[in-house]
Amino acid sequence: MKKNIGIFLIAAIVACNQPKAEKAAEKTVTETMKKDTVKADFDNLLFAVKNDLVCGMPVSAGISDTAHYKGGVYGFCAAECKAEFVKSPTTYLSAKQ
């Protein structure tokens, strides 16, 4: 009888853990979809310039982040480039001209 109870407990534990694994897989898919959606949103933006103002990389090569300044949307290849731009946007915009 004790053997049957032990088998039942093991089966119950295994069955309880299965939904957690399914929820974890669903969460991973949802997070991936959100990341893809964010990237797709960058693809649909109209940028004020065609190159990253800090490093000169073409915006079409890939965008990591954006900044809005005086009505324009500026794309950056990395967070570091955006951070540099945010420190002194007029410096980078005047250098562009």
C-alpha atoms as a PDB file:
ATOM      1  CA  MET A   1       0.000   0.000   0.000  1.00  0.00           C
ATOM      2  CA  LYS A   2       2.822   2.421   0.880  1.00  0.00           C
ATOM      3  CA  LYS A   3       4.421   1.667  -2.482  1.00  0.00           C
ATOM      4  CA  ASN A   4       1.209   2.675  -4.302  1.00  0.00           C
ATOM      5  CA  ILE A   5       1.004   5.947  -2.363  1.00  0.00           C
ATOM      6  CA  GLY A   6       4.636   6.739  -3.275  1.00  0.00           C
ATOM      7  CA  ILE A   7       3.968   6.099  -6.959  1.00  0.00           C
ATOM      8  CA  PHE A   8       0.841   8.254  -6.791  1.00  0.00           C
ATOM      9  CA  LEU A   9       2.768  11.128  -5.177  1.00  0.00           C
ATOM     10  CA  ILE A  10       5.509  10.977  -7.814  1.00  0.00           C
ATOM     11  CA  ALA A  11       2.936  10.959 -10.624  1.00  0.00           C
ATOM     12  CA  ALA A  12       1.128  13.931  -9.038  1.00  0.00           C
ATOM     13  CA  ILE A  13       4.352  15.927  -8.729  1.00  0.00           C
ATOM     14  CA  VAL A  14       5.291  15.267 -12.346  1.00  0.00           C
ATOM     15  CA  ALA A  15       1.799  16.253 -13.526  1.00  0.00           C
ATOM     16  CA  CYS A  16       1.883  19.495 -11.513  1.00  0.00           C
ATOM     17  CA  ASN A  17       5.220  20.537 -12.990  1.00  0.00           C
ATOM     18  CA  GLN A  18       4.134  20.091 -16.593  1.00  0.00           C
ATOM     19  CA  PRO A  19       1.913  23.214 -16.792  1.00  0.00           C
ATOM     20  CA  LYS A  20       4.790  25.341 -15.427  1.00  0.00           C
ATOM     21  CA  ALA A  21       6.999  24.222 -18.295  1.00  0.00           C
ATOM     22  CA  GLU A  22       4.260  25.064 -20.792  1.00  0.00           C
ATOM     23  CA  LYS A  23       3.794  28.524 -19.227  1.00  0.00           C
ATOM     24  CA  ALA A  24       7.548  29.132 -19.381  1.00  0.00           C
ATOM     25  CA  ALA A  25       7.595  28.241 -23.078  1.00  0.00           C
ATOM     26  CA  GLU A  26       4.613  30.518 -23.708  1.00  0.00           C
ATOM     27  CA  LYS A  27       6.332  33.376 -21.854  1.00  0.00           C
ATOM     28  CA  THR A  28       9.471  32.936 -23.990  1.00  0.00           C
ATOM     29  CA  VAL A  29       7.431  33.090 -27.197  1.00  0.00           C
ATOM     30  CA  THR A  30       5.600  36.202 -25.960  1.00  0.00           C
ATOM     31  CA  GLU A  31       8.881  37.950 -25.056  1.00  0.00           C
ATOM     32  CA  THR A  32      10.316  37.105 -28.476  1.00  0.00           C
ATOM     33  CA  MET A  33       7.231  38.497 -30.181  1.00  0.00           C
ATOM     34  CA  LYS A  34       7.527  41.735 -28.202  1.00  0.00           C
ATOM     35  CA  LYS A  35      11.187  42.113 -29.218  1.00  0.00           C
ATOM     36  CA  ASP A  36      10.305  41.498 -32.874  1.00  0.00           C
ATOM     37  CA  THR A  37       7.477  44.028 -32.657  1.00  0.00           C
ATOM     38  CA  VAL A  38       9.791  46.693 -31.254  1.00  0.00           C
ATOM     39  CA  LYS A  39      12.279  46.110 -34.055  1.00  0.00           C
ATOM     40  CA  ALA A  40       9.525  46.242 -36.677  1.00  0.00           C
ATOM     41  CA  ASP A  41       8.355  49.589 -35.259  1.00  0.00           C
ATOM     42  CA  PHE A  42      11.810  51.073 -35.957  1.00  0.00           C
ATOM     43  CA  ASP A  43      11.548  49.871 -39.539  1.00  0.00           C
ATOM     44  CA  ASN A  44       8.379  51.922 -40.073  1.00  0.00           C
ATOM     45  CA  LEU A  45       9.724  55.243 -38.733  1.00  0.00           C
ATOM     46  CA  LEU A  46      10.672  58.153 -40.945  1.00  0.00           C
ATOM     47  CA  PHE A  47      14.045  59.413 -39.725  1.00  0.00           C
ATOM     48  CA  ALA A  48      15.294  62.991 -39.913  1.00  0.00           C
ATOM     49  CA  VAL A  49      18.704  61.810 -41.190  1.00  0.00           C
ATOM     50  CA  LYS A  50      19.953  58.689 -42.950  1.00  0.00           C
ATOM     51  CA  ASN A  51      23.006  58.068 -40.720  1.00  0.00           C
ATOM     52  CA  ASP A  52      23.668  57.703 -36.997  1.00  0.00           C
ATOM     53  CA  LEU A  53      24.795  61.239 -36.126  1.00  0.00           C
ATOM     54  CA  VAL A  54      27.433  60.031 -33.665  1.00  0.00           C
ATOM     55  CA  CYS A  55      29.262  57.259 -35.520  1.00  0.00           C
ATOM     56  CA  GLY A  56      28.015  57.777 -39.071  1.00  0.00           C
ATOM     57  CA  MET A  57      26.600  54.276 -39.519  1.00  0.00           C
ATOM     58  CA  PRO A  58      23.684  54.138 -42.001  1.00  0.00           C
ATOM     59  CA  VAL A  59      20.321  53.925 -40.250  1.00  0.00           C
ATOM     60  CA  SER A  60      19.296  51.250 -42.749  1.00  0.00           C
ATOM     61  CA  ALA A  61      22.002  48.908 -41.349  1.00  0.00           C
ATOM     62  CA  GLY A  62      20.131  48.498 -38.067  1.00  0.00           C
ATOM     63  CA  ILE A  63      18.744  50.592 -35.249  1.00  0.00           C
ATOM     64  CA  SER A  64      19.160  49.879 -31.567  1.00  0.00           C
ATOM     65  CA  ASP A  65      17.436  52.988 -30.240  1.00  0.00           C
ATOM     66  CA  THR A  66      15.889  56.316 -31.245  1.00  0.00           C
ATOM     67  CA  ALA A  67      15.708  59.854 -29.877  1.00  0.00           C
ATOM     68  CA  HIS A  68      13.256  62.634 -30.574  1.00  0.00           C
ATOM     69  CA  TYR A  69      14.636  66.163 -30.786  1.00  0.00           C
ATOM     70  CA  LYS A  70      12.915  69.312 -32.081  1.00  0.00           C
ATOM     71  CA  GLY A  71      10.331  67.365 -34.052  1.00  0.00           C
ATOM     72  CA  GLY A  72      12.807  64.950 -35.641  1.00  0.00           C
ATOM     73  CA  VAL A  73      13.338  61.249 -35.005  1.00  0.00           C
ATOM     74  CA  TYR A  74      16.976  60.146 -34.977  1.00  0.00           C
ATOM     75  CA  GLY A  75      18.083  56.516 -35.153  1.00  0.00           C
ATOM     76  CA  PHE A  76      21.183  55.122 -33.440  1.00  0.00           C
ATOM     77  CA  CYS A  77      23.067  51.875 -33.887  1.00  0.00           C
ATOM     78  CA  ALA A  78      23.736  51.509 -30.141  1.00  0.00           C
ATOM     79  CA  ALA A  79      22.674  52.914 -26.784  1.00  0.00           C
ATOM     80  CA  GLU A  80      26.115  54.502 -26.446  1.00  0.00           C
ATOM     81  CA  CYS A  81      25.606  56.572 -29.609  1.00  0.00           C
ATOM     82  CA  LYS A  82      22.206  57.731 -28.381  1.00  0.00           C
ATOM     83  CA  ALA A  83      23.684  58.670 -24.983  1.00  0.00           C
ATOM     84  CA  GLU A  84      26.359  60.793 -26.686  1.00  0.00           C
ATOM     85  CA  PHE A  85      23.754  62.522 -28.846  1.00  0.00           C
ATOM     86  CA  VAL A  86      21.499  63.255 -25.859  1.00  0.00           C
ATOM     87  CA  LYS A  87      24.390  64.971 -24.027  1.00  0.00           C
ATOM     88  CA  SER A  88      24.719  67.590 -26.772  1.00  0.00           C
ATOM     89  CA  PRO A  89      22.282  67.225 -29.682  1.00  0.00           C
ATOM     90  CA  THR A  90      23.063  70.648 -31.158  1.00  0.00           C
ATOM     91  CA  THR A  91      26.729  69.713 -31.514  1.00  0.00           C
ATOM     92  CA  TYR A  92      25.893  66.668 -33.626  1.00  0.00           C
ATOM     93  CA  LEU A  93      23.200  68.422 -35.642  1.00  0.00           C
ATOM     94  CA  SER A  94      25.431  71.407 -36.467  1.00  0.00           C
ATOM     95  CA  ALA A  95      28.240  69.036 -37.530  1.00  0.00           C
ATOM     96  CA  LYS A  96      25.797  67.376 -39.950  1.00  0.00           C
ATOM     97  CA  GLN A  97      25.299  70.626 -41.869  1.00  0.00           C
END
